[in-house]
Amino acid sequence: MNKAELIEALAKKADVSKAAAGRLLDGFLESVTTELKKGGKVTLVGFGTFATGKRAARTGRNPRTGATIKIPAAKTAKFTAGAALKKTINKK
C-alpha cells in the first residue's frame, strides 16, 4: 500500500474527503517526525511505538573498490509493534 492508497482507505473508513484524509495523514506524520527529532517517542497503545535509536560509528567496505570507509554514528527511527497488532497479524 502506498500513500495514495492509504489516504483513500482512510477517507472511506472515516467517511471524509480524500483531501481531508490527506491533511490528517500529513499532520500525523509531521507530528511523529517532530517528536522523534526532539528525541521523544510516540506510543499508540495496542498499535506500537515510534522511537529513536543510536547507531555507533563503524568501519565498512566499499563493495566496488574494497576500500575501507568510516561510517559515522547516526540516529535511527524505529518502530516496535504493540501486543494487539502482533496478535492480529499472527491470527490464523
N, C-alpha and C. Protein backbone atom coordinates (compact mmCIF):
# COMPACT_ATOMS: atom_id res chain seq x y z
N MET A 1 0.85 -1.17 0.00
CA MET A 1 0.00 0.00 0.00
C MET A 1 0.90 1.24 0.00
N ASN A 2 0.62 2.16 -0.91
CA ASN A 2 1.38 3.40 -0.92
C ASN A 2 0.56 4.51 -0.25
N LYS A 3 1.12 5.72 -0.21
CA LYS A 3 0.46 6.82 0.49
C LYS A 3 -0.91 7.14 -0.09
N ALA A 4 -1.03 7.17 -1.41
CA ALA A 4 -2.30 7.49 -2.05
C ALA A 4 -3.36 6.45 -1.70
N GLU A 5 -2.97 5.18 -1.69
CA GLU A 5 -3.91 4.11 -1.33
C GLU A 5 -4.32 4.20 0.14
N LEU A 6 -3.36 4.57 0.99
CA LEU A 6 -3.67 4.74 2.41
C LEU A 6 -4.64 5.89 2.62
N ILE A 7 -4.43 6.98 1.93
CA ILE A 7 -5.34 8.14 2.03
C ILE A 7 -6.75 7.74 1.58
N GLU A 8 -6.83 6.99 0.51
CA GLU A 8 -8.13 6.54 0.01
C GLU A 8 -8.82 5.64 1.04
N ALA A 9 -8.07 4.72 1.65
CA ALA A 9 -8.65 3.83 2.66
C ALA A 9 -9.10 4.62 3.89
N LEU A 10 -8.29 5.59 4.32
CA LEU A 10 -8.68 6.42 5.47
C LEU A 10 -9.94 7.22 5.17
N ALA A 11 -10.02 7.77 3.97
CA ALA A 11 -11.20 8.56 3.58
C ALA A 11 -12.46 7.71 3.63
N LYS A 12 -12.38 6.47 3.16
CA LYS A 12 -13.55 5.57 3.19
C LYS A 12 -13.93 5.21 4.62
N LYS A 13 -12.94 4.83 5.43
CA LYS A 13 -13.20 4.40 6.82
C LYS A 13 -13.78 5.53 7.66
N ALA A 14 -13.25 6.76 7.47
CA ALA A 14 -13.68 7.89 8.29
C ALA A 14 -14.82 8.67 7.66
N ASP A 15 -15.22 8.28 6.44
CA ASP A 15 -16.30 8.96 5.71
C ASP A 15 -16.01 10.46 5.56
N VAL A 16 -14.77 10.75 5.10
CA VAL A 16 -14.35 12.13 4.83
C VAL A 16 -13.78 12.18 3.42
N SER A 17 -13.52 13.38 2.95
CA SER A 17 -12.95 13.52 1.60
C SER A 17 -11.50 13.06 1.60
N LYS A 18 -11.01 12.76 0.40
CA LYS A 18 -9.61 12.35 0.27
C LYS A 18 -8.68 13.50 0.68
N ALA A 19 -9.08 14.73 0.38
CA ALA A 19 -8.26 15.89 0.76
C ALA A 19 -8.13 15.98 2.27
N ALA A 20 -9.25 15.79 2.98
CA ALA A 20 -9.22 15.85 4.44
C ALA A 20 -8.38 14.71 5.01
N ALA A 21 -8.53 13.53 4.46
CA ALA A 21 -7.74 12.38 4.91
C ALA A 21 -6.26 12.62 4.65
N GLY A 22 -5.92 13.22 3.53
CA GLY A 22 -4.53 13.55 3.21
C GLY A 22 -3.94 14.53 4.20
N ARG A 23 -4.73 15.55 4.57
CA ARG A 23 -4.25 16.53 5.56
C ARG A 23 -4.06 15.87 6.92
N LEU A 24 -4.96 14.98 7.29
CA LEU A 24 -4.82 14.27 8.57
C LEU A 24 -3.57 13.39 8.58
N LEU A 25 -3.34 12.66 7.51
CA LEU A 25 -2.16 11.80 7.44
C LEU A 25 -0.89 12.64 7.47
N ASP A 26 -0.86 13.73 6.72
CA ASP A 26 0.32 14.60 6.71
C ASP A 26 0.56 15.19 8.10
N GLY A 27 -0.51 15.57 8.78
CA GLY A 27 -0.39 16.10 10.14
C GLY A 27 0.15 15.07 11.11
N PHE A 28 -0.33 13.83 10.97
CA PHE A 28 0.15 12.74 11.83
C PHE A 28 1.64 12.51 11.61
N LEU A 29 2.04 12.41 10.35
CA LEU A 29 3.44 12.15 10.03
C LEU A 29 4.34 13.29 10.51
N GLU A 30 3.88 14.51 10.35
CA GLU A 30 4.65 15.67 10.80
C GLU A 30 4.80 15.67 12.32
N SER A 31 3.73 15.32 13.02
CA SER A 31 3.77 15.28 14.49
C SER A 31 4.72 14.21 15.00
N VAL A 32 4.68 13.04 14.39
CA VAL A 32 5.58 11.95 14.78
C VAL A 32 7.02 12.35 14.49
N THR A 33 7.27 12.92 13.32
CA THR A 33 8.62 13.34 12.94
C THR A 33 9.16 14.39 13.90
N THR A 34 8.34 15.36 14.25
CA THR A 34 8.76 16.42 15.17
C THR A 34 9.13 15.85 16.53
N GLU A 35 8.31 14.94 17.03
CA GLU A 35 8.58 14.34 18.35
C GLU A 35 9.87 13.51 18.32
N LEU A 36 10.08 12.76 17.26
CA LEU A 36 11.30 11.95 17.15
C LEU A 36 12.54 12.83 17.03
N LYS A 37 12.41 13.95 16.32
CA LYS A 37 13.51 14.89 16.18
C LYS A 37 13.94 15.44 17.53
N LYS A 38 12.97 15.62 18.44
CA LYS A 38 13.27 16.12 19.79
C LYS A 38 13.84 15.02 20.68
N GLY A 39 13.87 13.79 20.19
CA GLY A 39 14.38 12.68 20.99
C GLY A 39 13.31 11.96 21.78
N GLY A 40 12.05 12.32 21.56
CA GLY A 40 10.95 11.69 22.28
C GLY A 40 10.48 10.43 21.59
N LYS A 41 9.35 9.92 22.05
CA LYS A 41 8.76 8.76 21.41
C LYS A 41 7.26 8.93 21.35
N VAL A 42 6.63 8.23 20.43
CA VAL A 42 5.18 8.30 20.25
C VAL A 42 4.63 6.89 20.45
N THR A 43 3.76 6.73 21.44
CA THR A 43 3.19 5.43 21.75
C THR A 43 1.71 5.43 21.42
N LEU A 44 1.29 4.49 20.60
CA LEU A 44 -0.12 4.28 20.29
C LEU A 44 -0.49 2.93 20.89
N VAL A 45 -1.14 2.96 22.03
CA VAL A 45 -1.42 1.74 22.79
C VAL A 45 -2.13 0.71 21.90
N GLY A 46 -1.59 -0.49 21.89
CA GLY A 46 -2.14 -1.57 21.10
C GLY A 46 -1.58 -1.63 19.69
N PHE A 47 -1.10 -0.51 19.18
CA PHE A 47 -0.56 -0.48 17.82
C PHE A 47 0.96 -0.58 17.84
N GLY A 48 1.62 0.34 18.56
CA GLY A 48 3.07 0.28 18.63
C GLY A 48 3.68 1.59 19.06
N THR A 49 5.01 1.62 19.05
CA THR A 49 5.76 2.78 19.50
C THR A 49 6.80 3.18 18.46
N PHE A 50 6.80 4.47 18.15
CA PHE A 50 7.83 5.05 17.30
C PHE A 50 8.85 5.67 18.24
N ALA A 51 10.13 5.38 18.04
CA ALA A 51 11.18 5.90 18.91
C ALA A 51 12.45 6.09 18.08
N THR A 52 13.46 6.67 18.72
CA THR A 52 14.75 6.82 18.06
C THR A 52 15.76 5.89 18.70
N GLY A 53 16.74 5.50 17.93
CA GLY A 53 17.83 4.68 18.43
C GLY A 53 19.14 5.28 17.97
N LYS A 54 20.22 4.74 18.46
CA LYS A 54 21.54 5.24 18.07
C LYS A 54 22.33 4.12 17.40
N ARG A 55 23.03 4.48 16.37
CA ARG A 55 23.91 3.53 15.70
C ARG A 55 25.33 4.06 15.87
N ALA A 56 26.21 3.26 16.39
CA ALA A 56 27.59 3.68 16.64
C ALA A 56 28.36 3.84 15.33
N ALA A 57 29.41 4.64 15.39
CA ALA A 57 30.29 4.78 14.24
C ALA A 57 30.98 3.43 14.01
N ARG A 58 31.25 3.14 12.76
CA ARG A 58 31.88 1.86 12.45
C ARG A 58 32.63 1.97 11.14
N THR A 59 33.41 0.95 10.86
CA THR A 59 34.11 0.93 9.57
C THR A 59 33.38 -0.04 8.65
N GLY A 60 33.37 0.29 7.40
CA GLY A 60 32.72 -0.54 6.41
C GLY A 60 33.63 -0.70 5.21
N ARG A 61 33.11 -1.33 4.18
CA ARG A 61 33.92 -1.53 2.99
C ARG A 61 33.11 -1.19 1.76
N ASN A 62 33.71 -0.44 0.86
CA ASN A 62 33.08 -0.11 -0.40
C ASN A 62 33.05 -1.40 -1.23
N PRO A 63 31.85 -1.89 -1.60
CA PRO A 63 31.78 -3.16 -2.31
C PRO A 63 32.42 -3.13 -3.70
N ARG A 64 32.50 -1.98 -4.32
CA ARG A 64 33.10 -1.89 -5.66
C ARG A 64 34.62 -1.94 -5.61
N THR A 65 35.18 -1.12 -4.70
CA THR A 65 36.63 -0.99 -4.68
C THR A 65 37.30 -1.82 -3.59
N GLY A 66 36.54 -2.19 -2.57
CA GLY A 66 37.11 -2.92 -1.45
C GLY A 66 37.78 -2.01 -0.45
N ALA A 67 37.77 -0.69 -0.72
CA ALA A 67 38.40 0.27 0.18
C ALA A 67 37.63 0.36 1.49
N THR A 68 38.37 0.52 2.58
CA THR A 68 37.75 0.68 3.90
C THR A 68 37.27 2.12 4.03
N ILE A 69 36.05 2.29 4.55
CA ILE A 69 35.49 3.62 4.76
C ILE A 69 34.98 3.73 6.19
N LYS A 70 34.93 4.95 6.70
CA LYS A 70 34.40 5.19 8.03
C LYS A 70 32.94 5.62 7.90
N ILE A 71 32.07 4.94 8.61
CA ILE A 71 30.65 5.27 8.61
C ILE A 71 30.37 5.98 9.92
N PRO A 72 29.90 7.23 9.88
CA PRO A 72 29.69 7.99 11.11
C PRO A 72 28.52 7.48 11.94
N ALA A 73 28.52 7.83 13.21
CA ALA A 73 27.40 7.50 14.09
C ALA A 73 26.15 8.19 13.57
N ALA A 74 24.98 7.61 13.83
CA ALA A 74 23.74 8.19 13.34
C ALA A 74 22.58 7.84 14.28
N LYS A 75 21.57 8.71 14.24
CA LYS A 75 20.31 8.40 14.91
C LYS A 75 19.44 7.64 13.92
N THR A 76 18.65 6.71 14.41
CA THR A 76 17.76 5.97 13.54
C THR A 76 16.35 6.01 14.09
N ALA A 77 15.38 5.91 13.22
CA ALA A 77 13.98 5.81 13.64
C ALA A 77 13.64 4.33 13.71
N LYS A 78 12.90 3.96 14.74
CA LYS A 78 12.49 2.56 14.84
C LYS A 78 11.04 2.47 15.28
N PHE A 79 10.42 1.37 14.93
CA PHE A 79 9.03 1.12 15.29
C PHE A 79 8.97 -0.24 15.95
N THR A 80 8.31 -0.30 17.11
CA THR A 80 8.10 -1.56 17.80
C THR A 80 6.60 -1.83 17.82
N ALA A 81 6.20 -2.94 17.27
CA ALA A 81 4.77 -3.29 17.21
C ALA A 81 4.24 -3.59 18.60
N GLY A 82 3.00 -3.16 18.86
CA GLY A 82 2.34 -3.43 20.13
C GLY A 82 1.74 -4.82 20.15
N ALA A 83 1.33 -5.24 21.34
CA ALA A 83 0.80 -6.60 21.53
C ALA A 83 -0.44 -6.86 20.67
N ALA A 84 -1.36 -5.90 20.63
CA ALA A 84 -2.59 -6.11 19.86
C ALA A 84 -2.30 -6.24 18.37
N LEU A 85 -1.36 -5.45 17.86
CA LEU A 85 -1.00 -5.53 16.44
C LEU A 85 -0.36 -6.88 16.15
N LYS A 86 0.56 -7.31 17.00
CA LYS A 86 1.20 -8.62 16.82
C LYS A 86 0.18 -9.74 16.82
N LYS A 87 -0.77 -9.65 17.76
CA LYS A 87 -1.80 -10.68 17.87
C LYS A 87 -2.65 -10.75 16.61
N THR A 88 -3.04 -9.59 16.12
CA THR A 88 -3.87 -9.52 14.92
C THR A 88 -3.14 -10.07 13.69
N ILE A 89 -1.88 -9.71 13.55
CA ILE A 89 -1.09 -10.17 12.41
C ILE A 89 -0.89 -11.67 12.44
N ASN A 90 -0.72 -12.23 13.62
CA ASN A 90 -0.42 -13.65 13.73
C ASN A 90 -1.66 -14.55 13.84
N LYS A 91 -2.87 -13.95 13.81
CA LYS A 91 -4.09 -14.75 13.83
C LYS A 91 -4.20 -15.57 12.55
N LYS A 92 -4.66 -16.78 12.70
CA LYS A 92 -4.82 -17.62 11.51
C LYS A 92 -6.26 -17.89 11.23
